Amino acid sequence: MSIISLEHSSNLYWLGRYAERAYTTLATFFNYCDTMLDKDKNSYREFLKKLNIEDKFGNYENFVQEFLYGTDNFSISSTFRNVYDNALVIRNTIGSESLAYIELAINTFNSSKNAKNFRLALMPVMDYLLAYWGNIDDNLAASEEGTFVRCGKFVERLDLYFRFSYNNKAINSEYEKLCHIIARLPQGRKNFCNTKYLAVLVEVLAIENSYKERLPEVLDSLNKLFEGLDA
């Protein structure tokens, strides 16, 4: 197997992060939309607060359109652009089928903008993202390339799980997956993971729900685990 460059390692890592961000943020967005529609349309502000996004939307309808299809960096549309930009650079590594699933997800997402039922229109997007991950697992799971993609995936998933106060069982399950992936980094790549920040996560997760009291520190440590692979 050829040794992948630092640049491509970064592309793989951030492809994992952005693809997971699109999937998990959409899933969480759907959950909040149920509350917004059934109980309180202003509850979208809580969703934004969890993501540390300023409320400049004014109402629920504007929020939905701008969060999904707007041009700000936090929008799902921008996230998909980042997915595609990273995937295109390493298309020969991830394979044409994985790239095709990403393109299908993006094209379906873009075509949903004027749908009367945006949730129904976006469900196939989730399916294509799952198909993309299935293809990655089938073809790259045992490789160095697959390790970097999945490191990004589980770092991003944990970031969102912490922000949205998932239960400890779910968080610990994803943390164990991340540790398993980190352990598979080739010996020469172990230094990509900063164990100082990993130790913070170990300490916090040892006590149930203590991450909520130290959330800024936890998120900072999680996002510095792979500083050498910053986008």
Protein backbone atom coordinates (compact mmCIF):
# COMPACT_ATOMS: atom_id res chain seq x y z
CA MET A 1 0.00 0.00 0.00
CA SER A 2 1.35 3.45 -0.86
CA ILE A 3 1.91 5.96 1.94
CA ILE A 4 -0.71 8.68 1.71
CA SER A 5 0.42 12.31 1.91
CA LEU A 6 -0.37 14.62 4.82
CA GLU A 7 -2.60 16.67 2.50
CA HIS A 8 -4.63 13.64 1.47
CA SER A 9 -4.77 12.44 5.07
CA SER A 10 -6.35 15.79 5.89
CA ASN A 11 -8.82 15.45 2.98
CA LEU A 12 -9.81 11.99 4.22
CA TYR A 13 -10.24 13.15 7.80
CA TRP A 14 -12.35 16.17 6.82
CA LEU A 15 -14.38 14.18 4.35
CA GLY A 16 -15.29 11.97 7.29
CA ARG A 17 -16.15 14.95 9.45
CA TYR A 18 -18.23 16.83 6.89
CA ALA A 19 -20.12 13.75 5.68
CA GLU A 20 -21.00 12.86 9.27
CA ARG A 21 -21.91 16.48 10.01
CA ALA A 22 -24.39 16.47 7.14
CA TYR A 23 -25.96 13.20 8.29
CA THR A 24 -26.14 13.70 12.06
CA THR A 25 -27.09 17.38 11.87
CA LEU A 26 -29.95 16.57 9.50
CA ALA A 27 -31.13 13.76 11.79
CA THR A 28 -31.08 16.08 14.80
CA PHE A 29 -32.67 18.87 12.78
CA PHE A 30 -35.61 16.57 11.97
CA ASN A 31 -36.11 15.84 15.67
CA TYR A 32 -36.19 19.52 16.52
CA CYS A 33 -38.54 20.23 13.62
CA ASP A 34 -41.08 17.86 15.17
CA THR A 35 -41.00 19.92 18.35
CA MET A 36 -41.12 23.19 16.42
CA LEU A 37 -44.16 22.16 14.45
CA ASP A 38 -46.06 20.40 17.27
CA LYS A 39 -45.28 22.65 20.24
CA ASP A 40 -43.20 25.78 19.81
CA LYS A 41 -41.86 27.22 16.58
CA ASN A 42 -39.38 29.30 18.55
CA SER A 43 -37.62 26.19 19.82
CA TYR A 44 -35.34 26.44 16.78
CA ARG A 45 -33.42 28.95 18.91
CA GLU A 46 -32.41 26.18 21.28
CA PHE A 47 -31.15 24.19 18.30
CA LEU A 48 -29.03 27.14 17.19
CA LYS A 49 -27.71 27.67 20.71
CA LYS A 50 -26.49 24.07 20.82
CA LEU A 51 -24.49 24.71 17.65
CA ASN A 52 -23.29 28.12 18.86
CA ILE A 53 -24.97 29.87 15.93
CA GLU A 54 -26.38 33.39 16.27
CA ASP A 55 -30.10 33.70 15.65
CA LYS A 56 -30.43 36.13 12.76
CA PHE A 57 -33.42 34.46 11.15
CA GLY A 58 -36.37 36.07 12.93
CA ASN A 59 -38.77 33.17 12.53
CA TYR A 60 -39.02 29.43 12.00
CA GLU A 61 -39.63 29.58 8.25
CA ASN A 62 -36.54 31.69 7.57
CA PHE A 63 -34.50 29.46 9.85
CA VAL A 64 -35.44 26.32 7.91
CA GLN A 65 -34.57 27.81 4.53
CA GLU A 66 -31.33 29.45 5.61
CA PHE A 67 -30.08 26.60 7.79
CA LEU A 68 -30.68 24.05 5.06
CA TYR A 69 -29.99 25.97 1.85
CA GLY A 70 -28.25 29.21 2.82
CA THR A 71 -24.68 30.24 2.09
CA ASP A 72 -23.38 30.62 5.66
CA ASN A 73 -20.65 28.20 6.71
CA PHE A 74 -22.97 26.43 9.16
CA SER A 75 -25.65 25.61 6.56
CA ILE A 76 -26.19 22.08 5.32
CA SER A 77 -25.64 23.37 1.79
CA SER A 78 -22.16 24.62 2.75
CA THR A 79 -21.41 21.37 4.53
CA PHE A 80 -22.21 19.45 1.38
CA ARG A 81 -19.92 21.71 -0.63
CA ASN A 82 -17.12 20.83 1.77
CA VAL A 83 -17.98 17.13 1.47
CA TYR A 84 -17.73 17.31 -2.30
CA ASP A 85 -14.56 19.42 -2.38
CA ASN A 86 -12.69 16.93 -0.19
CA ALA A 87 -14.15 13.89 -1.95
CA LEU A 88 -13.18 15.20 -5.38
CA VAL A 89 -9.52 15.59 -4.41
CA ILE A 90 -9.31 11.98 -3.21
CA ARG A 91 -11.77 10.39 -5.64
CA ASN A 92 -9.18 7.82 -6.72
CA THR A 93 -8.76 6.79 -3.09
CA ILE A 94 -12.40 6.53 -2.04
CA GLY A 95 -13.50 5.08 -5.39
CA SER A 96 -16.06 6.09 -7.99
CA GLU A 97 -18.97 4.39 -6.22
CA SER A 98 -18.43 6.32 -2.97
CA LEU A 99 -18.14 9.56 -4.94
CA ALA A 100 -21.32 8.68 -6.83
CA TYR A 101 -23.28 8.25 -3.58
CA ILE A 102 -22.02 11.64 -2.43
CA GLU A 103 -23.10 13.22 -5.70
CA LEU A 104 -26.52 11.57 -5.45
CA ALA A 105 -26.93 12.91 -1.90
CA ILE A 106 -25.96 16.42 -2.97
CA ASN A 107 -28.10 16.46 -6.11
CA THR A 108 -31.11 15.17 -4.17
CA PHE A 109 -30.52 17.73 -1.45
CA ASN A 110 -30.34 20.58 -3.97
CA SER A 111 -33.52 19.44 -5.71
CA SER A 112 -35.42 19.43 -2.38
CA LYS A 113 -35.25 23.21 -1.95
CA ASN A 114 -38.74 23.89 -3.28
CA ALA A 115 -40.38 20.71 -2.02
CA LYS A 116 -43.68 21.12 -0.15
CA ASN A 117 -42.60 18.47 2.36
CA PHE A 118 -38.87 19.06 2.83
CA ARG A 119 -38.53 16.25 5.36
CA LEU A 120 -39.90 13.68 2.93
CA ALA A 121 -37.74 15.11 0.16
CA LEU A 122 -34.61 14.89 2.33
CA MET A 123 -35.03 11.28 3.47
CA PRO A 124 -33.31 9.89 0.33
CA VAL A 125 -30.37 12.20 1.13
CA MET A 126 -29.93 10.34 4.42
CA ASP A 127 -30.14 7.02 2.58
CA TYR A 128 -27.44 8.02 0.08
CA LEU A 129 -25.15 9.12 2.92
CA LEU A 130 -25.65 5.77 4.62
CA ALA A 131 -24.87 4.04 1.33
CA TYR A 132 -21.70 6.11 1.06
CA TRP A 133 -20.58 5.01 4.53
CA GLY A 134 -21.43 1.42 3.71
CA ASN A 135 -19.24 1.62 0.64
CA ILE A 136 -16.39 3.14 2.65
CA ASP A 137 -16.68 0.35 5.22
CA ASP A 138 -16.72 -2.32 2.53
CA ASN A 139 -13.74 -1.02 0.58
CA LEU A 140 -11.55 0.98 2.94
CA ALA A 141 -12.28 -0.25 6.47
CA ALA A 142 -9.00 -2.15 6.87
CA SER A 143 -6.82 0.47 5.17
CA GLU A 144 -4.94 3.52 6.41
CA GLU A 145 -7.19 5.68 4.22
CA GLY A 146 -10.30 4.23 5.82
CA THR A 147 -8.85 4.85 9.27
CA PHE A 148 -8.50 8.58 8.62
CA VAL A 149 -12.03 8.87 7.19
CA ARG A 150 -13.51 7.08 10.18
CA CYS A 151 -11.48 9.11 12.67
CA GLY A 152 -13.16 12.17 11.18
CA LYS A 153 -16.55 10.48 11.29
CA PHE A 154 -16.43 9.62 14.99
CA VAL A 155 -14.86 12.93 16.08
CA GLU A 156 -17.69 14.77 14.34
CA ARG A 157 -20.35 12.46 15.71
CA LEU A 158 -19.04 12.92 19.26
CA ASP A 159 -18.91 16.69 18.80
CA LEU A 160 -22.60 16.72 17.89
CA TYR A 161 -23.58 14.17 20.54
CA PHE A 162 -21.92 16.32 23.22
CA ARG A 163 -23.58 19.49 21.94
CA PHE A 164 -27.04 17.94 21.88
CA SER A 165 -26.69 16.21 25.26
CA TYR A 166 -27.01 12.62 24.12
CA ASN A 167 -27.06 10.10 26.94
CA ASN A 168 -23.84 8.68 28.33
CA LYS A 169 -24.42 5.24 26.86
CA ALA A 170 -24.58 6.63 23.32
CA ILE A 171 -21.58 8.92 23.85
CA ASN A 172 -19.43 6.20 25.39
CA SER A 173 -20.32 3.83 22.56
CA GLU A 174 -19.08 6.33 19.96
CA TYR A 175 -16.01 7.15 22.05
CA GLU A 176 -15.07 3.47 22.20
CA LYS A 177 -15.40 3.27 18.42
CA LEU A 178 -13.12 6.27 18.04
CA CYS A 179 -10.50 4.73 20.35
CA HIS A 180 -10.66 1.50 18.38
CA ILE A 181 -10.03 3.41 15.15
CA ILE A 182 -7.20 5.45 16.68
CA ALA A 183 -5.53 2.23 17.79
CA ARG A 184 -5.45 1.15 14.15
CA LEU A 185 -3.44 4.15 13.00
CA PRO A 186 -0.12 2.95 11.55
CA GLN A 187 2.79 3.36 13.93
CA GLY A 188 4.24 6.22 11.92
CA ARG A 189 0.92 8.10 12.09
CA LYS A 190 0.23 7.74 15.83
CA ASN A 191 1.49 11.28 16.44
CA PHE A 192 -1.48 12.65 14.50
CA CYS A 193 -3.58 11.99 17.60
CA ASN A 194 -2.73 14.25 20.55
CA THR A 195 -3.04 12.03 23.62
CA LYS A 196 -3.14 15.08 25.93
CA TYR A 197 -6.59 15.89 24.62
CA LEU A 198 -7.62 12.25 24.58
CA ALA A 199 -6.84 12.13 28.31
CA VAL A 200 -9.32 14.97 28.94
CA LEU A 201 -12.07 12.93 27.29
CA VAL A 202 -11.13 9.86 29.34
CA GLU A 203 -11.36 11.89 32.54
CA VAL A 204 -14.70 13.49 31.68
CA LEU A 205 -16.39 10.34 30.44
CA ALA A 206 -15.42 8.46 33.61
CA ILE A 207 -18.12 10.38 35.48
CA GLU A 208 -21.65 10.25 34.09
CA ASN A 209 -22.87 13.53 32.60
CA SER A 210 -19.84 15.49 33.84
CA TYR A 211 -19.20 16.55 30.25
CA LYS A 212 -22.17 18.91 30.50
CA GLU A 213 -20.40 20.99 33.14
CA ARG A 214 -17.17 21.09 31.10
CA LEU A 215 -18.67 21.26 27.63
CA PRO A 216 -16.41 24.02 26.16
CA GLU A 217 -13.31 22.17 27.37
CA VAL A 218 -14.62 18.85 26.08
CA LEU A 219 -15.41 20.26 22.62
CA ASP A 220 -12.05 22.03 22.46
CA SER A 221 -10.19 18.83 23.38
CA LEU A 222 -12.17 16.76 20.92
CA ASN A 223 -11.50 19.18 18.09
CA LYS A 224 -7.78 19.36 18.88
CA LEU A 225 -7.29 15.59 18.81
CA PHE A 226 -6.11 15.78 15.20
CA GLU A 227 -4.81 19.35 14.93
CA GLY A 228 -2.20 18.25 12.41
CA LEU A 229 -5.01 17.46 9.98
CA ASP A 230 -6.76 20.84 10.18
CA ALA A 231 -8.56 21.82 6.99
